[in-house]
Amino acid sequence: MEKAEVEQRVKKVICRVLGVSEDMIEPDSHFVFDLGAESTQSVELVAAFEAEFGIEMDDEAALSVDTVGAAVDFISGYVA
């Protein structure tokens, strides 16, 4: 799967879970500081990414990912 496709799908999930518009989301956007994610939403994001991509991620490692670009790289590793 192309990294650009992963990025688009990641953005879609972020919009849905956090209720932000896609134009707010940049690769260096921090989930908490820039996009307003609360701790419960971080868990929701991980679950939503797993559902979107049909993967199972290591929860502890996934929750340590704090920017959109890092999430794209992390998920790309699973779907490669």
N, C-alpha and C. Protein backbone atom coordinates (compact mmCIF):
# COMPACT_ATOMS: atom_id res chain seq x y z
N MET A 1 0.84 -1.18 0.00
CA MET A 1 0.00 0.00 0.00
C MET A 1 0.89 1.25 0.00
N GLU A 2 0.56 2.19 -0.84
CA GLU A 2 1.34 3.43 -0.95
C GLU A 2 1.23 4.25 0.33
N LYS A 3 2.31 4.93 0.67
CA LYS A 3 2.31 5.76 1.87
C LYS A 3 1.26 6.88 1.77
N ALA A 4 1.06 7.41 0.56
CA ALA A 4 0.07 8.47 0.36
C ALA A 4 -1.34 7.97 0.67
N GLU A 5 -1.62 6.70 0.31
CA GLU A 5 -2.93 6.13 0.61
C GLU A 5 -3.09 5.94 2.11
N VAL A 6 -2.02 5.46 2.77
CA VAL A 6 -2.06 5.30 4.23
C VAL A 6 -2.35 6.66 4.87
N GLU A 7 -1.65 7.71 4.39
CA GLU A 7 -1.84 9.04 4.96
C GLU A 7 -3.28 9.52 4.81
N GLN A 8 -3.88 9.34 3.63
CA GLN A 8 -5.27 9.76 3.41
C GLN A 8 -6.22 9.04 4.34
N ARG A 9 -6.02 7.74 4.49
CA ARG A 9 -6.90 6.94 5.36
C ARG A 9 -6.70 7.30 6.82
N VAL A 10 -5.45 7.59 7.22
CA VAL A 10 -5.17 8.02 8.59
C VAL A 10 -5.90 9.34 8.87
N LYS A 11 -5.84 10.26 7.92
CA LYS A 11 -6.52 11.55 8.09
C LYS A 11 -8.03 11.37 8.23
N LYS A 12 -8.60 10.47 7.42
CA LYS A 12 -10.03 10.19 7.50
C LYS A 12 -10.43 9.72 8.90
N VAL A 13 -9.64 8.82 9.44
CA VAL A 13 -9.91 8.27 10.77
C VAL A 13 -9.79 9.37 11.83
N ILE A 14 -8.76 10.20 11.72
CA ILE A 14 -8.56 11.29 12.68
C ILE A 14 -9.75 12.25 12.65
N CYS A 15 -10.20 12.60 11.45
CA CYS A 15 -11.36 13.49 11.32
C CYS A 15 -12.58 12.90 12.03
N ARG A 16 -12.80 11.62 11.80
CA ARG A 16 -13.97 10.94 12.37
C ARG A 16 -13.88 10.84 13.89
N VAL A 17 -12.72 10.43 14.41
CA VAL A 17 -12.59 10.19 15.85
C VAL A 17 -12.47 11.50 16.64
N LEU A 18 -11.69 12.45 16.12
CA LEU A 18 -11.45 13.68 16.87
C LEU A 18 -12.38 14.82 16.48
N GLY A 19 -13.13 14.64 15.40
CA GLY A 19 -14.05 15.69 14.98
C GLY A 19 -13.36 16.96 14.50
N VAL A 20 -12.19 16.80 13.87
CA VAL A 20 -11.48 17.96 13.32
C VAL A 20 -11.60 17.93 11.80
N SER A 21 -11.39 19.08 11.16
CA SER A 21 -11.45 19.11 9.70
C SER A 21 -10.09 18.69 9.14
N GLU A 22 -10.12 18.12 7.94
CA GLU A 22 -8.90 17.59 7.35
C GLU A 22 -7.85 18.67 7.12
N ASP A 23 -8.28 19.90 6.87
CA ASP A 23 -7.29 20.96 6.61
C ASP A 23 -6.51 21.37 7.87
N MET A 24 -6.92 20.87 9.04
CA MET A 24 -6.16 21.11 10.28
C MET A 24 -5.03 20.11 10.46
N ILE A 25 -5.06 19.04 9.66
CA ILE A 25 -4.15 17.92 9.89
C ILE A 25 -2.92 18.02 8.99
N GLU A 26 -1.77 18.16 9.63
CA GLU A 26 -0.48 18.19 8.93
C GLU A 26 0.36 17.02 9.44
N PRO A 27 1.38 16.60 8.69
CA PRO A 27 2.22 15.49 9.16
C PRO A 27 2.83 15.73 10.54
N ASP A 28 3.14 17.00 10.86
CA ASP A 28 3.75 17.28 12.16
C ASP A 28 2.72 17.66 13.23
N SER A 29 1.42 17.51 12.92
CA SER A 29 0.39 17.80 13.91
C SER A 29 0.47 16.80 15.06
N HIS A 30 0.51 17.33 16.27
CA HIS A 30 0.55 16.50 17.48
C HIS A 30 -0.89 16.18 17.87
N PHE A 31 -1.16 14.90 18.14
CA PHE A 31 -2.53 14.49 18.44
C PHE A 31 -3.13 15.26 19.62
N VAL A 32 -2.36 15.44 20.69
CA VAL A 32 -2.88 16.10 21.89
C VAL A 32 -2.81 17.62 21.75
N PHE A 33 -1.62 18.15 21.47
CA PHE A 33 -1.42 19.59 21.51
C PHE A 33 -2.03 20.33 20.33
N ASP A 34 -2.01 19.74 19.14
CA ASP A 34 -2.53 20.43 17.96
C ASP A 34 -3.97 20.03 17.61
N LEU A 35 -4.31 18.76 17.87
CA LEU A 35 -5.62 18.26 17.44
C LEU A 35 -6.58 18.03 18.61
N GLY A 36 -6.11 18.26 19.83
CA GLY A 36 -6.99 18.22 21.00
C GLY A 36 -7.42 16.85 21.47
N ALA A 37 -6.67 15.80 21.12
CA ALA A 37 -7.04 14.45 21.56
C ALA A 37 -6.88 14.31 23.06
N GLU A 38 -7.88 13.68 23.68
CA GLU A 38 -7.79 13.35 25.10
C GLU A 38 -7.34 11.90 25.20
N SER A 39 -6.96 11.46 26.40
CA SER A 39 -6.39 10.12 26.54
C SER A 39 -7.35 9.03 26.06
N THR A 40 -8.64 9.18 26.33
CA THR A 40 -9.59 8.16 25.87
C THR A 40 -9.66 8.15 24.35
N GLN A 41 -9.51 9.32 23.73
CA GLN A 41 -9.55 9.39 22.27
C GLN A 41 -8.31 8.75 21.65
N SER A 42 -7.19 8.79 22.36
CA SER A 42 -5.98 8.13 21.86
C SER A 42 -6.22 6.64 21.70
N VAL A 43 -6.89 6.05 22.68
CA VAL A 43 -7.22 4.63 22.62
C VAL A 43 -8.20 4.38 21.48
N GLU A 44 -9.19 5.27 21.32
CA GLU A 44 -10.15 5.16 20.22
C GLU A 44 -9.45 5.24 18.86
N LEU A 45 -8.47 6.13 18.76
CA LEU A 45 -7.73 6.27 17.50
C LEU A 45 -7.01 4.97 17.15
N VAL A 46 -6.34 4.36 18.12
CA VAL A 46 -5.63 3.11 17.86
C VAL A 46 -6.62 2.05 17.36
N ALA A 47 -7.76 1.94 18.05
CA ALA A 47 -8.78 0.94 17.64
C ALA A 47 -9.31 1.26 16.25
N ALA A 48 -9.52 2.54 15.96
CA ALA A 48 -10.04 2.94 14.65
C ALA A 48 -9.01 2.67 13.54
N PHE A 49 -7.73 2.91 13.82
CA PHE A 49 -6.69 2.61 12.84
C PHE A 49 -6.63 1.11 12.58
N GLU A 50 -6.73 0.32 13.64
CA GLU A 50 -6.71 -1.14 13.48
C GLU A 50 -7.88 -1.60 12.61
N ALA A 51 -9.06 -1.04 12.85
CA ALA A 51 -10.24 -1.41 12.07
C ALA A 51 -10.11 -0.96 10.62
N GLU A 52 -9.63 0.27 10.42
CA GLU A 52 -9.50 0.83 9.07
C GLU A 52 -8.55 0.00 8.21
N PHE A 53 -7.45 -0.44 8.81
CA PHE A 53 -6.41 -1.12 8.03
C PHE A 53 -6.43 -2.64 8.20
N GLY A 54 -7.33 -3.15 9.06
CA GLY A 54 -7.40 -4.59 9.28
C GLY A 54 -6.12 -5.16 9.87
N ILE A 55 -5.55 -4.43 10.81
CA ILE A 55 -4.29 -4.84 11.44
C ILE A 55 -4.46 -4.87 12.95
N GLU A 56 -3.52 -5.49 13.63
CA GLU A 56 -3.48 -5.45 15.08
C GLU A 56 -2.12 -4.89 15.47
N MET A 57 -2.16 -3.74 16.15
CA MET A 57 -0.92 -3.06 16.52
C MET A 57 -0.61 -3.31 17.99
N ASP A 58 0.65 -3.21 18.34
CA ASP A 58 1.06 -3.26 19.74
C ASP A 58 0.54 -1.98 20.40
N ASP A 59 -0.40 -2.12 21.33
CA ASP A 59 -1.07 -0.95 21.90
C ASP A 59 -0.10 0.02 22.57
N GLU A 60 0.84 -0.51 23.34
CA GLU A 60 1.78 0.36 24.03
C GLU A 60 2.61 1.17 23.04
N ALA A 61 3.11 0.51 22.01
CA ALA A 61 3.90 1.20 20.98
C ALA A 61 3.03 2.20 20.22
N ALA A 62 1.80 1.78 19.89
CA ALA A 62 0.90 2.66 19.14
C ALA A 62 0.56 3.91 19.94
N LEU A 63 0.35 3.77 21.23
CA LEU A 63 -0.01 4.93 22.07
C LEU A 63 1.17 5.87 22.28
N SER A 64 2.39 5.42 21.99
CA SER A 64 3.54 6.31 22.14
C SER A 64 3.74 7.18 20.89
N VAL A 65 3.01 6.87 19.82
CA VAL A 65 3.09 7.66 18.58
C VAL A 65 2.30 8.95 18.81
N ASP A 66 2.95 10.11 18.63
CA ASP A 66 2.26 11.34 19.02
C ASP A 66 2.00 12.34 17.90
N THR A 67 2.47 12.06 16.68
CA THR A 67 2.17 12.97 15.57
C THR A 67 1.54 12.19 14.42
N VAL A 68 0.88 12.92 13.54
CA VAL A 68 0.22 12.30 12.39
C VAL A 68 1.24 11.59 11.50
N GLY A 69 2.35 12.26 11.21
CA GLY A 69 3.39 11.66 10.36
C GLY A 69 3.96 10.39 10.96
N ALA A 70 4.16 10.40 12.28
CA ALA A 70 4.68 9.21 12.95
C ALA A 70 3.66 8.08 12.88
N ALA A 71 2.37 8.41 12.96
CA ALA A 71 1.31 7.40 12.85
C ALA A 71 1.31 6.79 11.45
N VAL A 72 1.47 7.63 10.44
CA VAL A 72 1.51 7.14 9.06
C VAL A 72 2.69 6.18 8.89
N ASP A 73 3.86 6.56 9.39
CA ASP A 73 5.05 5.70 9.30
C ASP A 73 4.82 4.39 10.06
N PHE A 74 4.26 4.50 11.25
CA PHE A 74 4.02 3.33 12.11
C PHE A 74 3.08 2.36 11.42
N ILE A 75 1.96 2.87 10.91
CA ILE A 75 0.97 2.01 10.26
C ILE A 75 1.52 1.46 8.94
N SER A 76 2.29 2.26 8.22
CA SER A 76 2.90 1.80 6.97
C SER A 76 3.75 0.55 7.21
N GLY A 77 4.40 0.49 8.36
CA GLY A 77 5.21 -0.68 8.71
C GLY A 77 4.37 -1.93 8.85
N TYR A 78 3.13 -1.77 9.28
CA TYR A 78 2.23 -2.91 9.46
C TYR A 78 1.61 -3.37 8.15
N VAL A 79 1.36 -2.46 7.24
CA VAL A 79 0.65 -2.81 6.01
C VAL A 79 1.59 -3.06 4.82
N ALA A 80 2.89 -2.91 5.05
CA ALA A 80 3.87 -3.08 3.98
C ALA A 80 3.91 -4.52 3.48
